[in-house]
Amino acid sequence: MIEAAVNGYLVSVSLILAIGAQNAFVLRQGLRREHVAAVVAVCALSDAVLIAAGVAGFGGLSKAVPWFGEAMRWLGVVFLLVYGALRFRAALRGGEALKPSENAAAPLGKVLATCLVLTWANPHVYLDTVVLIGSISAQHAPHQVAFGVAAVCGSLSFFTALGFGARLLAPVFARPAAWVWLEIGVGVTMWAIAAGLAFRG
């Protein structure tokens, strides 16, 4: 059970860590110190719902269709390899600097609406949380719940650190080189998880 929980936490953080519109938005709000708690709550709660759906759905589906879990394991391997490769490609392109706007603070409703769109309208969030985390959790039977709870905790801790710790990262992530190293680290993690899945069974 401990192994399942540790893997759930690491998989969740690794998937969320990849630079994307949602993370850039959370980081931007953190740098601006604007509605940070509300943005973090929306992101973490959204992930919790999606992760729960993935873990619960894959458990029942794997029992009904025995070969489905194995098929999804290999699809997960392929997805992680491609995802990691994309991160390495982004690193080769030189990264990007994130500079928050100097405009006046936006209304809470507008900020939350933007956050919800970036979260729920992004197809990758379903691949990451429902499909990928769901399929990996099935490999940790009968401890899928521990895996899922730890994955939710990973999401919550990441968004909390990103949102409230952004002010400390502002000087660092103003430089493109910082994003390059982050992309490399995410790529390595993705490939390590893919290797673990490939050689598990």
N, C-alpha and C. Protein backbone atom coordinates (compact mmCIF):
# COMPACT_ATOMS: atom_id res chain seq x y z
N MET A 1 0.83 -1.21 0.00
CA MET A 1 0.00 0.00 0.00
C MET A 1 0.86 1.26 0.00
N ILE A 2 1.97 1.23 0.75
CA ILE A 2 2.87 2.39 0.80
C ILE A 2 3.46 2.66 -0.57
N GLU A 3 3.85 1.58 -1.26
CA GLU A 3 4.40 1.74 -2.61
C GLU A 3 3.37 2.37 -3.55
N ALA A 4 2.12 1.92 -3.45
CA ALA A 4 1.06 2.46 -4.29
C ALA A 4 0.86 3.95 -4.00
N ALA A 5 0.88 4.32 -2.72
CA ALA A 5 0.69 5.72 -2.34
C ALA A 5 1.83 6.59 -2.84
N VAL A 6 3.05 6.12 -2.66
CA VAL A 6 4.22 6.88 -3.13
C VAL A 6 4.17 7.07 -4.64
N ASN A 7 3.87 5.99 -5.35
CA ASN A 7 3.79 6.08 -6.81
C ASN A 7 2.65 7.01 -7.25
N GLY A 8 1.51 6.94 -6.55
CA GLY A 8 0.39 7.81 -6.88
C GLY A 8 0.76 9.28 -6.73
N TYR A 9 1.46 9.59 -5.65
CA TYR A 9 1.88 10.97 -5.42
C TYR A 9 2.85 11.44 -6.50
N LEU A 10 3.86 10.60 -6.79
CA LEU A 10 4.88 10.98 -7.76
C LEU A 10 4.32 11.09 -9.18
N VAL A 11 3.45 10.15 -9.55
CA VAL A 11 2.85 10.19 -10.88
C VAL A 11 2.02 11.45 -11.04
N SER A 12 1.22 11.77 -10.03
CA SER A 12 0.37 12.96 -10.09
C SER A 12 1.19 14.23 -10.25
N VAL A 13 2.20 14.39 -9.40
CA VAL A 13 3.04 15.60 -9.45
C VAL A 13 3.77 15.68 -10.78
N SER A 14 4.29 14.55 -11.26
CA SER A 14 5.05 14.55 -12.51
C SER A 14 4.19 14.95 -13.69
N LEU A 15 2.96 14.46 -13.73
CA LEU A 15 2.07 14.80 -14.83
C LEU A 15 1.65 16.27 -14.79
N ILE A 16 1.36 16.77 -13.59
CA ILE A 16 0.90 18.14 -13.46
C ILE A 16 2.05 19.13 -13.69
N LEU A 17 3.28 18.66 -13.39
CA LEU A 17 4.44 19.54 -13.44
C LEU A 17 4.73 20.08 -14.84
N ALA A 18 4.34 19.33 -15.86
CA ALA A 18 4.63 19.77 -17.22
C ALA A 18 4.03 21.15 -17.48
N ILE A 19 4.82 22.01 -18.10
CA ILE A 19 4.37 23.37 -18.37
C ILE A 19 3.18 23.36 -19.31
N GLY A 20 2.15 24.06 -18.94
CA GLY A 20 0.96 24.15 -19.78
C GLY A 20 0.19 25.40 -19.43
N ALA A 21 -0.94 25.59 -20.09
CA ALA A 21 -1.72 26.81 -19.89
C ALA A 21 -2.19 26.94 -18.45
N GLN A 22 -2.65 25.82 -17.85
CA GLN A 22 -3.17 25.88 -16.48
C GLN A 22 -2.07 26.26 -15.49
N ASN A 23 -0.91 25.60 -15.58
CA ASN A 23 0.18 25.90 -14.66
C ASN A 23 0.70 27.32 -14.84
N ALA A 24 0.78 27.75 -16.09
CA ALA A 24 1.24 29.11 -16.36
C ALA A 24 0.27 30.13 -15.74
N PHE A 25 -1.02 29.80 -15.79
CA PHE A 25 -2.03 30.69 -15.22
C PHE A 25 -1.90 30.74 -13.69
N VAL A 26 -1.75 29.57 -13.07
CA VAL A 26 -1.59 29.52 -11.61
C VAL A 26 -0.33 30.27 -11.19
N LEU A 27 0.75 30.05 -11.92
CA LEU A 27 2.00 30.73 -11.60
C LEU A 27 1.86 32.24 -11.78
N ARG A 28 1.17 32.64 -12.83
CA ARG A 28 0.96 34.07 -13.08
C ARG A 28 0.16 34.69 -11.94
N GLN A 29 -0.92 33.99 -11.51
CA GLN A 29 -1.72 34.53 -10.41
C GLN A 29 -0.90 34.61 -9.13
N GLY A 30 -0.04 33.62 -8.94
CA GLY A 30 0.83 33.65 -7.76
C GLY A 30 1.82 34.79 -7.81
N LEU A 31 2.38 35.04 -8.98
CA LEU A 31 3.32 36.14 -9.13
C LEU A 31 2.62 37.49 -8.90
N ARG A 32 1.36 37.56 -9.30
CA ARG A 32 0.58 38.79 -9.11
C ARG A 32 -0.04 38.86 -7.70
N ARG A 33 -0.02 37.71 -6.98
CA ARG A 33 -0.63 37.62 -5.64
C ARG A 33 -2.11 37.99 -5.71
N GLU A 34 -2.78 37.40 -6.69
CA GLU A 34 -4.16 37.78 -7.00
C GLU A 34 -5.07 36.55 -6.96
N HIS A 35 -5.99 36.47 -5.99
CA HIS A 35 -6.97 35.38 -5.86
C HIS A 35 -6.28 34.00 -5.87
N VAL A 36 -5.13 33.91 -5.24
CA VAL A 36 -4.33 32.68 -5.30
C VAL A 36 -5.06 31.50 -4.65
N ALA A 37 -5.62 31.69 -3.46
CA ALA A 37 -6.28 30.59 -2.76
C ALA A 37 -7.44 30.03 -3.57
N ALA A 38 -8.23 30.90 -4.18
CA ALA A 38 -9.37 30.45 -4.97
C ALA A 38 -8.93 29.68 -6.20
N VAL A 39 -7.89 30.13 -6.85
CA VAL A 39 -7.37 29.46 -8.05
C VAL A 39 -6.81 28.08 -7.69
N VAL A 40 -6.05 28.02 -6.60
CA VAL A 40 -5.50 26.74 -6.15
C VAL A 40 -6.62 25.77 -5.81
N ALA A 41 -7.66 26.24 -5.13
CA ALA A 41 -8.78 25.38 -4.75
C ALA A 41 -9.49 24.82 -5.98
N VAL A 42 -9.74 25.66 -6.99
CA VAL A 42 -10.41 25.20 -8.21
C VAL A 42 -9.59 24.13 -8.91
N CYS A 43 -8.29 24.35 -9.04
CA CYS A 43 -7.43 23.38 -9.72
C CYS A 43 -7.36 22.06 -8.97
N ALA A 44 -7.17 22.14 -7.66
CA ALA A 44 -7.03 20.92 -6.85
C ALA A 44 -8.34 20.13 -6.80
N LEU A 45 -9.47 20.81 -6.63
CA LEU A 45 -10.77 20.12 -6.58
C LEU A 45 -11.10 19.49 -7.94
N SER A 46 -10.79 20.18 -9.00
CA SER A 46 -11.04 19.64 -10.34
C SER A 46 -10.24 18.36 -10.55
N ASP A 47 -8.96 18.40 -10.16
CA ASP A 47 -8.12 17.21 -10.28
C ASP A 47 -8.64 16.07 -9.41
N ALA A 48 -9.11 16.40 -8.20
CA ALA A 48 -9.62 15.35 -7.31
C ALA A 48 -10.81 14.62 -7.93
N VAL A 49 -11.72 15.38 -8.55
CA VAL A 49 -12.88 14.77 -9.21
C VAL A 49 -12.44 13.89 -10.36
N LEU A 50 -11.53 14.37 -11.17
CA LEU A 50 -11.08 13.62 -12.35
C LEU A 50 -10.28 12.38 -11.96
N ILE A 51 -9.43 12.52 -10.96
CA ILE A 51 -8.64 11.37 -10.49
C ILE A 51 -9.55 10.30 -9.92
N ALA A 52 -10.52 10.71 -9.10
CA ALA A 52 -11.47 9.75 -8.52
C ALA A 52 -12.23 9.01 -9.62
N ALA A 53 -12.64 9.74 -10.65
CA ALA A 53 -13.35 9.11 -11.77
C ALA A 53 -12.47 8.10 -12.48
N GLY A 54 -11.20 8.47 -12.67
CA GLY A 54 -10.28 7.56 -13.35
C GLY A 54 -10.01 6.30 -12.55
N VAL A 55 -9.73 6.45 -11.25
CA VAL A 55 -9.42 5.29 -10.40
C VAL A 55 -10.64 4.39 -10.26
N ALA A 56 -11.81 4.95 -10.00
CA ALA A 56 -13.03 4.15 -9.83
C ALA A 56 -13.44 3.49 -11.14
N GLY A 57 -13.35 4.23 -12.22
CA GLY A 57 -13.77 3.69 -13.51
C GLY A 57 -12.89 2.57 -13.99
N PHE A 58 -11.59 2.70 -13.83
CA PHE A 58 -10.69 1.66 -14.32
C PHE A 58 -10.78 0.40 -13.49
N GLY A 59 -11.07 0.56 -12.18
CA GLY A 59 -11.21 -0.64 -11.37
C GLY A 59 -12.35 -1.51 -11.84
N GLY A 60 -13.53 -0.90 -12.05
CA GLY A 60 -14.69 -1.66 -12.50
C GLY A 60 -14.54 -2.17 -13.91
N LEU A 61 -13.96 -1.36 -14.78
CA LEU A 61 -13.80 -1.76 -16.17
C LEU A 61 -12.82 -2.90 -16.33
N SER A 62 -11.77 -2.89 -15.52
CA SER A 62 -10.76 -3.95 -15.60
C SER A 62 -11.35 -5.30 -15.20
N LYS A 63 -12.30 -5.29 -14.26
CA LYS A 63 -12.93 -6.55 -13.86
C LYS A 63 -13.87 -7.05 -14.96
N ALA A 64 -14.57 -6.12 -15.60
CA ALA A 64 -15.51 -6.51 -16.65
C ALA A 64 -14.79 -6.94 -17.93
N VAL A 65 -13.70 -6.27 -18.24
CA VAL A 65 -12.93 -6.57 -19.46
C VAL A 65 -11.48 -6.81 -19.05
N PRO A 66 -11.09 -8.06 -18.79
CA PRO A 66 -9.77 -8.39 -18.24
C PRO A 66 -8.59 -7.84 -19.03
N TRP A 67 -8.70 -7.80 -20.36
CA TRP A 67 -7.57 -7.37 -21.17
C TRP A 67 -7.42 -5.84 -21.24
N PHE A 68 -8.43 -5.12 -20.74
CA PHE A 68 -8.43 -3.67 -20.90
C PHE A 68 -7.29 -3.02 -20.11
N GLY A 69 -7.08 -3.50 -18.87
CA GLY A 69 -6.02 -2.93 -18.05
C GLY A 69 -4.65 -3.08 -18.69
N GLU A 70 -4.41 -4.26 -19.27
CA GLU A 70 -3.11 -4.50 -19.93
C GLU A 70 -2.95 -3.62 -21.16
N ALA A 71 -4.04 -3.48 -21.91
CA ALA A 71 -3.98 -2.62 -23.10
C ALA A 71 -3.69 -1.18 -22.71
N MET A 72 -4.34 -0.71 -21.65
CA MET A 72 -4.14 0.66 -21.22
C MET A 72 -2.75 0.86 -20.62
N ARG A 73 -2.20 -0.21 -20.05
CA ARG A 73 -0.83 -0.10 -19.52
C ARG A 73 0.13 0.26 -20.65
N TRP A 74 0.00 -0.42 -21.78
CA TRP A 74 0.90 -0.16 -22.90
C TRP A 74 0.58 1.16 -23.59
N LEU A 75 -0.68 1.52 -23.62
CA LEU A 75 -1.02 2.84 -24.15
C LEU A 75 -0.43 3.93 -23.25
N GLY A 76 -0.45 3.67 -21.95
CA GLY A 76 0.16 4.61 -21.01
C GLY A 76 1.66 4.75 -21.23
N VAL A 77 2.32 3.62 -21.51
CA VAL A 77 3.76 3.65 -21.80
C VAL A 77 4.04 4.52 -23.01
N VAL A 78 3.26 4.28 -24.08
CA VAL A 78 3.45 5.06 -25.31
C VAL A 78 3.19 6.54 -25.06
N PHE A 79 2.10 6.83 -24.34
CA PHE A 79 1.75 8.21 -24.06
C PHE A 79 2.86 8.91 -23.28
N LEU A 80 3.39 8.24 -22.27
CA LEU A 80 4.44 8.84 -21.45
C LEU A 80 5.72 9.06 -22.24
N LEU A 81 6.06 8.12 -23.12
CA LEU A 81 7.24 8.29 -23.96
C LEU A 81 7.10 9.50 -24.88
N VAL A 82 5.92 9.63 -25.49
CA VAL A 82 5.68 10.76 -26.38
C VAL A 82 5.66 12.07 -25.58
N TYR A 83 4.99 12.03 -24.43
CA TYR A 83 4.89 13.21 -23.57
C TYR A 83 6.28 13.67 -23.13
N GLY A 84 7.11 12.72 -22.74
CA GLY A 84 8.48 13.04 -22.34
C GLY A 84 9.27 13.62 -23.50
N ALA A 85 9.09 13.03 -24.68
CA ALA A 85 9.79 13.53 -25.86
C ALA A 85 9.39 14.97 -26.18
N LEU A 86 8.13 15.29 -26.00
CA LEU A 86 7.66 16.66 -26.23
C LEU A 86 8.31 17.63 -25.24
N ARG A 87 8.50 17.18 -24.02
CA ARG A 87 9.15 18.04 -23.03
C ARG A 87 10.61 18.28 -23.42
N PHE A 88 11.29 17.23 -23.90
CA PHE A 88 12.67 17.40 -24.34
C PHE A 88 12.74 18.34 -25.55
N ARG A 89 11.77 18.23 -26.44
CA ARG A 89 11.75 19.12 -27.61
C ARG A 89 11.55 20.56 -27.17
N ALA A 90 10.65 20.76 -26.18
CA ALA A 90 10.44 22.11 -25.67
C ALA A 90 11.72 22.67 -25.05
N ALA A 91 12.48 21.79 -24.36
CA ALA A 91 13.75 22.22 -23.77
C ALA A 91 14.74 22.64 -24.85
N LEU A 92 14.79 21.86 -25.95
CA LEU A 92 15.70 22.18 -27.05
C LEU A 92 15.35 23.51 -27.70
N ARG A 93 14.07 23.86 -27.66
CA ARG A 93 13.64 25.13 -28.27
C ARG A 93 14.00 26.33 -27.40
N GLY A 94 14.44 26.06 -26.18
CA GLY A 94 14.96 27.16 -25.37
C GLY A 94 14.09 27.66 -24.25
N GLY A 95 12.92 27.06 -24.03
CA GLY A 95 12.07 27.47 -22.92
C GLY A 95 11.41 28.81 -23.17
N GLU A 96 10.81 29.33 -22.12
CA GLU A 96 10.12 30.62 -22.24
C GLU A 96 10.18 31.34 -20.90
N ALA A 97 10.15 32.63 -20.96
CA ALA A 97 10.11 33.43 -19.73
C ALA A 97 8.68 33.82 -19.44
N LEU A 98 8.29 33.72 -18.19
CA LEU A 98 6.92 34.07 -17.80
C LEU A 98 6.96 35.39 -17.05
N LYS A 99 6.33 36.41 -17.63
CA LYS A 99 6.31 37.72 -17.00
C LYS A 99 4.87 38.14 -16.77
N PRO A 100 4.46 38.29 -15.54
CA PRO A 100 3.07 38.66 -15.26
C PRO A 100 2.76 40.06 -15.78
N SER A 101 1.50 40.24 -16.12
CA SER A 101 1.05 41.54 -16.61
C SER A 101 1.04 42.55 -15.48
N GLU A 102 1.24 43.79 -15.83
CA GLU A 102 1.21 44.84 -14.83
C GLU A 102 -0.17 45.48 -14.72
N ASN A 103 -1.18 44.91 -15.39
CA ASN A 103 -2.52 45.49 -15.38
C ASN A 103 -3.14 45.41 -13.98
N ALA A 104 -4.24 46.12 -13.79
CA ALA A 104 -4.94 46.10 -12.51
C ALA A 104 -5.51 44.71 -12.23
N ALA A 105 -5.78 44.43 -10.96
CA ALA A 105 -6.30 43.13 -10.56
C ALA A 105 -7.64 42.83 -11.24
N ALA A 106 -7.77 41.60 -11.71
CA ALA A 106 -9.01 41.17 -12.36
C ALA A 106 -10.03 40.75 -11.31
N PRO A 107 -11.34 40.84 -11.62
CA PRO A 107 -12.38 40.41 -10.67
C PRO A 107 -12.27 38.91 -10.41
N LEU A 108 -12.67 38.49 -9.21
CA LEU A 108 -12.59 37.08 -8.83
C LEU A 108 -13.35 36.20 -9.80
N GLY A 109 -14.56 36.61 -10.18
CA GLY A 109 -15.36 35.80 -11.10
C GLY A 109 -14.68 35.55 -12.43
N LYS A 110 -14.05 36.57 -12.96
CA LYS A 110 -13.34 36.42 -14.23
C LYS A 110 -12.14 35.50 -14.10
N VAL A 111 -11.43 35.62 -12.99
CA VAL A 111 -10.26 34.77 -12.77
C VAL A 111 -10.67 33.31 -12.64
N LEU A 112 -11.73 33.03 -11.87
CA LEU A 112 -12.18 31.66 -11.69
C LEU A 112 -12.74 31.08 -12.99
N ALA A 113 -13.44 31.90 -13.77
CA ALA A 113 -13.97 31.43 -15.06
C ALA A 113 -12.83 31.03 -15.98
N THR A 114 -11.79 31.84 -16.01
CA THR A 114 -10.62 31.53 -16.84
C THR A 114 -9.96 30.24 -16.37
N CYS A 115 -9.84 30.09 -15.05
CA CYS A 115 -9.22 28.89 -14.48
C CYS A 115 -10.02 27.64 -14.83
N LEU A 116 -11.34 27.72 -14.75
CA LEU A 116 -12.19 26.56 -15.07
C LEU A 116 -12.09 26.18 -16.54
N VAL A 117 -12.03 27.18 -17.41
CA VAL A 117 -11.90 26.89 -18.84
C VAL A 117 -10.56 26.23 -19.14
N LEU A 118 -9.48 26.79 -18.56
CA LEU A 118 -8.15 26.22 -18.79
C LEU A 118 -8.05 24.80 -18.26
N THR A 119 -8.82 24.49 -17.21
CA THR A 119 -8.77 23.15 -16.61
C THR A 119 -9.64 22.15 -17.36
N TRP A 120 -10.91 22.48 -17.56
CA TRP A 120 -11.87 21.51 -18.08
C TRP A 120 -11.96 21.47 -19.60
N ALA A 121 -11.50 22.51 -20.26
CA ALA A 121 -11.56 22.52 -21.73
C ALA A 121 -10.26 22.00 -22.35
N ASN A 122 -9.33 21.60 -21.51
CA ASN A 122 -8.06 21.07 -21.99
C ASN A 122 -8.14 19.55 -22.12
N PRO A 123 -8.06 19.00 -23.33
CA PRO A 123 -8.17 17.54 -23.49
C PRO A 123 -7.08 16.76 -22.77
N HIS A 124 -5.93 17.40 -22.57
CA HIS A 124 -4.83 16.69 -21.91
C HIS A 124 -5.14 16.38 -20.45
N VAL A 125 -6.00 17.18 -19.83
CA VAL A 125 -6.31 16.92 -18.43
C VAL A 125 -7.04 15.58 -18.29
N TYR A 126 -7.83 15.21 -19.28
CA TYR A 126 -8.55 13.93 -19.23
C TYR A 126 -7.59 12.77 -19.49
N LEU A 127 -6.64 12.98 -20.39
CA LEU A 127 -5.63 11.95 -20.65
C LEU A 127 -4.78 11.72 -19.41
N ASP A 128 -4.37 12.83 -18.76
CA ASP A 128 -3.49 12.73 -17.61
C ASP A 128 -4.18 12.14 -16.39
N THR A 129 -5.33 12.70 -16.02
CA THR A 129 -5.98 12.32 -14.76
C THR A 129 -6.88 11.10 -14.90
N VAL A 130 -7.78 11.11 -15.86
CA VAL A 130 -8.74 10.01 -15.98
C VAL A 130 -8.10 8.78 -16.61
N VAL A 131 -7.51 8.95 -17.78
CA VAL A 131 -6.99 7.80 -18.53
C VAL A 131 -5.68 7.30 -17.94
N LEU A 132 -4.68 8.17 -17.85
CA LEU A 132 -3.35 7.71 -17.45
C LEU A 132 -3.28 7.33 -15.97
N ILE A 133 -3.72 8.23 -15.09
CA ILE A 133 -3.70 7.91 -13.66
C ILE A 133 -4.63 6.74 -13.37
N GLY A 134 -5.76 6.69 -14.05
CA GLY A 134 -6.68 5.57 -13.86
C GLY A 134 -6.05 4.24 -14.26
N SER A 135 -5.36 4.23 -15.41
CA SER A 135 -4.74 2.98 -15.87
C SER A 135 -3.58 2.57 -14.98
N ILE A 136 -2.78 3.54 -14.52
CA ILE A 136 -1.66 3.20 -13.64
C ILE A 136 -2.16 2.70 -12.30
N SER A 137 -3.26 3.27 -11.80
CA SER A 137 -3.80 2.83 -10.51
C SER A 137 -4.22 1.36 -10.56
N ALA A 138 -4.69 0.92 -11.73
CA ALA A 138 -5.11 -0.47 -11.87
C ALA A 138 -3.94 -1.44 -11.69
N GLN A 139 -2.72 -0.96 -11.95
CA GLN A 139 -1.54 -1.80 -11.79
C GLN A 139 -1.17 -1.99 -10.32
N HIS A 140 -1.81 -1.24 -9.44
CA HIS A 140 -1.49 -1.31 -8.01
C HIS A 140 -2.61 -1.99 -7.21
N ALA A 141 -3.43 -2.77 -7.89
CA ALA A 141 -4.50 -3.51 -7.21
C ALA A 141 -3.90 -4.38 -6.11
N PRO A 142 -4.52 -4.49 -4.95
CA PRO A 142 -5.84 -3.94 -4.57
C PRO A 142 -5.74 -2.59 -3.82
N HIS A 143 -4.69 -1.84 -4.11
CA HIS A 143 -4.47 -0.59 -3.38
C HIS A 143 -4.73 0.64 -4.25
N GLN A 144 -5.73 0.54 -5.13
CA GLN A 144 -6.03 1.67 -6.01
C GLN A 144 -6.47 2.91 -5.24
N VAL A 145 -7.19 2.70 -4.13
CA VAL A 145 -7.67 3.84 -3.34
C VAL A 145 -6.49 4.62 -2.76
N ALA A 146 -5.50 3.91 -2.23
CA ALA A 146 -4.31 4.56 -1.68
C ALA A 146 -3.59 5.34 -2.78
N PHE A 147 -3.51 4.73 -3.96
CA PHE A 147 -2.88 5.39 -5.11
C PHE A 147 -3.64 6.67 -5.46
N GLY A 148 -4.97 6.57 -5.51
CA GLY A 148 -5.79 7.72 -5.89
C GLY A 148 -5.73 8.84 -4.87
N VAL A 149 -5.81 8.49 -3.58
CA VAL A 149 -5.76 9.51 -2.52
C VAL A 149 -4.41 10.23 -2.56
N ALA A 150 -3.34 9.46 -2.74
CA ALA A 150 -2.01 10.07 -2.80
C ALA A 150 -1.88 10.96 -4.04
N ALA A 151 -2.50 10.54 -5.14
CA ALA A 151 -2.46 11.35 -6.37
C ALA A 151 -3.17 12.68 -6.15
N VAL A 152 -4.31 12.64 -5.44
CA VAL A 152 -5.04 13.87 -5.11
C VAL A 152 -4.18 14.76 -4.22
N CYS A 153 -3.52 14.17 -3.24
CA CYS A 153 -2.63 14.94 -2.35
C CYS A 153 -1.48 15.55 -3.14
N GLY A 154 -0.97 14.80 -4.13
CA GLY A 154 0.10 15.33 -4.96
C GLY A 154 -0.36 16.56 -5.73
N SER A 155 -1.57 16.49 -6.28
CA SER A 155 -2.13 17.62 -7.01
C SER A 155 -2.30 18.83 -6.10
N LEU A 156 -2.87 18.60 -4.92
CA LEU A 156 -3.11 19.70 -3.97
C LEU A 156 -1.80 20.35 -3.54
N SER A 157 -0.80 19.53 -3.22
CA SER A 157 0.48 20.09 -2.75
C SER A 157 1.18 20.84 -3.87
N PHE A 158 1.07 20.32 -5.11
CA PHE A 158 1.74 21.01 -6.22
C PHE A 158 1.12 22.38 -6.47
N PHE A 159 -0.21 22.43 -6.59
CA PHE A 159 -0.85 23.71 -6.88
C PHE A 159 -0.68 24.70 -5.74
N THR A 160 -0.68 24.20 -4.50
CA THR A 160 -0.45 25.07 -3.35
C THR A 160 0.95 25.67 -3.41
N ALA A 161 1.94 24.81 -3.67
CA ALA A 161 3.32 25.29 -3.75
C ALA A 161 3.51 26.25 -4.92
N LEU A 162 2.89 25.92 -6.05
CA LEU A 162 3.04 26.76 -7.24
C LEU A 162 2.39 28.13 -7.03
N GLY A 163 1.17 28.13 -6.50
CA GLY A 163 0.45 29.38 -6.32
C GLY A 163 1.07 30.27 -5.25
N PHE A 164 1.31 29.69 -4.06
CA PHE A 164 1.78 30.51 -2.95
C PHE A 164 3.30 30.67 -2.93
N GLY A 165 3.99 29.79 -3.65
CA GLY A 165 5.45 29.90 -3.70
C GLY A 165 5.94 30.68 -4.91
N ALA A 166 5.02 31.12 -5.74
CA ALA A 166 5.39 31.80 -6.98
C ALA A 166 6.21 33.05 -6.73
N ARG A 167 5.89 33.76 -5.64
CA ARG A 167 6.61 35.01 -5.37
C ARG A 167 8.10 34.75 -5.16
N LEU A 168 8.43 33.55 -4.65
CA LEU A 168 9.83 33.19 -4.45
C LEU A 168 10.49 32.79 -5.77
N LEU A 169 9.67 32.32 -6.72
CA LEU A 169 10.20 31.84 -7.99
C LEU A 169 10.26 32.92 -9.06
N ALA A 170 9.68 34.06 -8.77
CA ALA A 170 9.60 35.12 -9.79
C ALA A 170 10.95 35.45 -10.43
N PRO A 171 12.01 35.65 -9.65
CA PRO A 171 13.29 35.96 -10.29
C PRO A 171 13.84 34.80 -11.12
N VAL A 172 13.54 33.58 -10.67
CA VAL A 172 14.06 32.40 -11.36
C VAL A 172 13.37 32.19 -12.71
N PHE A 173 12.03 32.20 -12.69
CA PHE A 173 11.28 31.89 -13.91
C PHE A 173 11.12 33.08 -14.85
N ALA A 174 11.77 34.17 -14.51
CA ALA A 174 11.87 35.26 -15.48
C ALA A 174 12.93 34.94 -16.52
N ARG A 175 13.72 33.90 -16.24
CA ARG A 175 14.80 33.49 -17.16
C ARG A 175 14.39 32.23 -17.93
N PRO A 176 14.52 32.23 -19.24
CA PRO A 176 14.17 31.06 -20.04
C PRO A 176 14.91 29.79 -19.63
N ALA A 177 16.15 29.92 -19.15
CA ALA A 177 16.94 28.74 -18.79
C ALA A 177 16.26 27.92 -17.70
N ALA A 178 15.55 28.58 -16.79
CA ALA A 178 14.87 27.85 -15.71
C ALA A 178 13.80 26.94 -16.28
N TRP A 179 13.07 27.41 -17.29
CA TRP A 179 12.03 26.59 -17.92
C TRP A 179 12.66 25.41 -18.67
N VAL A 180 13.83 25.64 -19.25
CA VAL A 180 14.53 24.56 -19.97
C VAL A 180 14.84 23.42 -19.02
N TRP A 181 15.41 23.72 -17.88
CA TRP A 181 15.75 22.68 -16.91
C TRP A 181 14.51 22.00 -16.34
N LEU A 182 13.45 22.76 -16.18
CA LEU A 182 12.20 22.16 -15.70
C LEU A 182 11.66 21.17 -16.74
N GLU A 183 11.70 21.56 -18.01
CA GLU A 183 11.23 20.68 -19.08
C GLU A 183 12.06 19.39 -19.12
N ILE A 184 13.37 19.51 -18.97
CA ILE A 184 14.24 18.33 -18.97
C ILE A 184 13.89 17.41 -17.81
N GLY A 185 13.70 18.00 -16.63
CA GLY A 185 13.36 17.19 -15.46
C GLY A 185 12.04 16.46 -15.63
N VAL A 186 11.05 17.13 -16.22
CA VAL A 186 9.76 16.50 -16.46
C VAL A 186 9.91 15.37 -17.48
N GLY A 187 10.69 15.62 -18.53
CA GLY A 187 10.89 14.59 -19.56
C GLY A 187 11.53 13.33 -18.99
N VAL A 188 12.55 13.51 -18.16
CA VAL A 188 13.22 12.36 -17.54
C VAL A 188 12.24 11.59 -16.65
N THR A 189 11.44 12.31 -15.89
CA THR A 189 10.46 11.67 -15.00
C THR A 189 9.43 10.89 -15.80
N MET A 190 8.94 11.47 -16.90
CA MET A 190 7.96 10.78 -17.75
C MET A 190 8.52 9.47 -18.27
N TRP A 191 9.76 9.50 -18.75
CA TRP A 191 10.36 8.28 -19.30
C TRP A 191 10.64 7.24 -18.21
N ALA A 192 10.98 7.72 -17.01
CA ALA A 192 11.20 6.78 -15.90
C ALA A 192 9.90 6.08 -15.52
N ILE A 193 8.80 6.81 -15.50
CA ILE A 193 7.51 6.20 -15.20
C ILE A 193 7.13 5.21 -16.30
N ALA A 194 7.39 5.56 -17.56
CA ALA A 194 7.08 4.67 -18.68
C ALA A 194 7.86 3.37 -18.55
N ALA A 195 9.14 3.46 -18.16
CA ALA A 195 9.95 2.27 -17.98
C ALA A 195 9.40 1.39 -16.85
N GLY A 196 8.97 2.06 -15.77
CA GLY A 196 8.40 1.30 -14.66
C GLY A 196 7.13 0.56 -15.06
N LEU A 197 6.30 1.19 -15.87
CA LEU A 197 5.09 0.54 -16.35
C LEU A 197 5.42 -0.61 -17.29
N ALA A 198 6.35 -0.40 -18.18
CA ALA A 198 6.69 -1.40 -19.20
C ALA A 198 7.25 -2.67 -18.59
N PHE A 199 8.05 -2.53 -17.55
CA PHE A 199 8.72 -3.70 -16.97
C PHE A 199 8.03 -4.23 -15.73
N ARG A 200 6.88 -3.64 -15.37
CA ARG A 200 6.17 -4.09 -14.18
C ARG A 200 5.54 -5.46 -14.38
N GLY A 201 4.90 -5.61 -15.57
CA GLY A 201 4.10 -6.81 -15.74
C GLY A 201 4.72 -7.89 -16.53
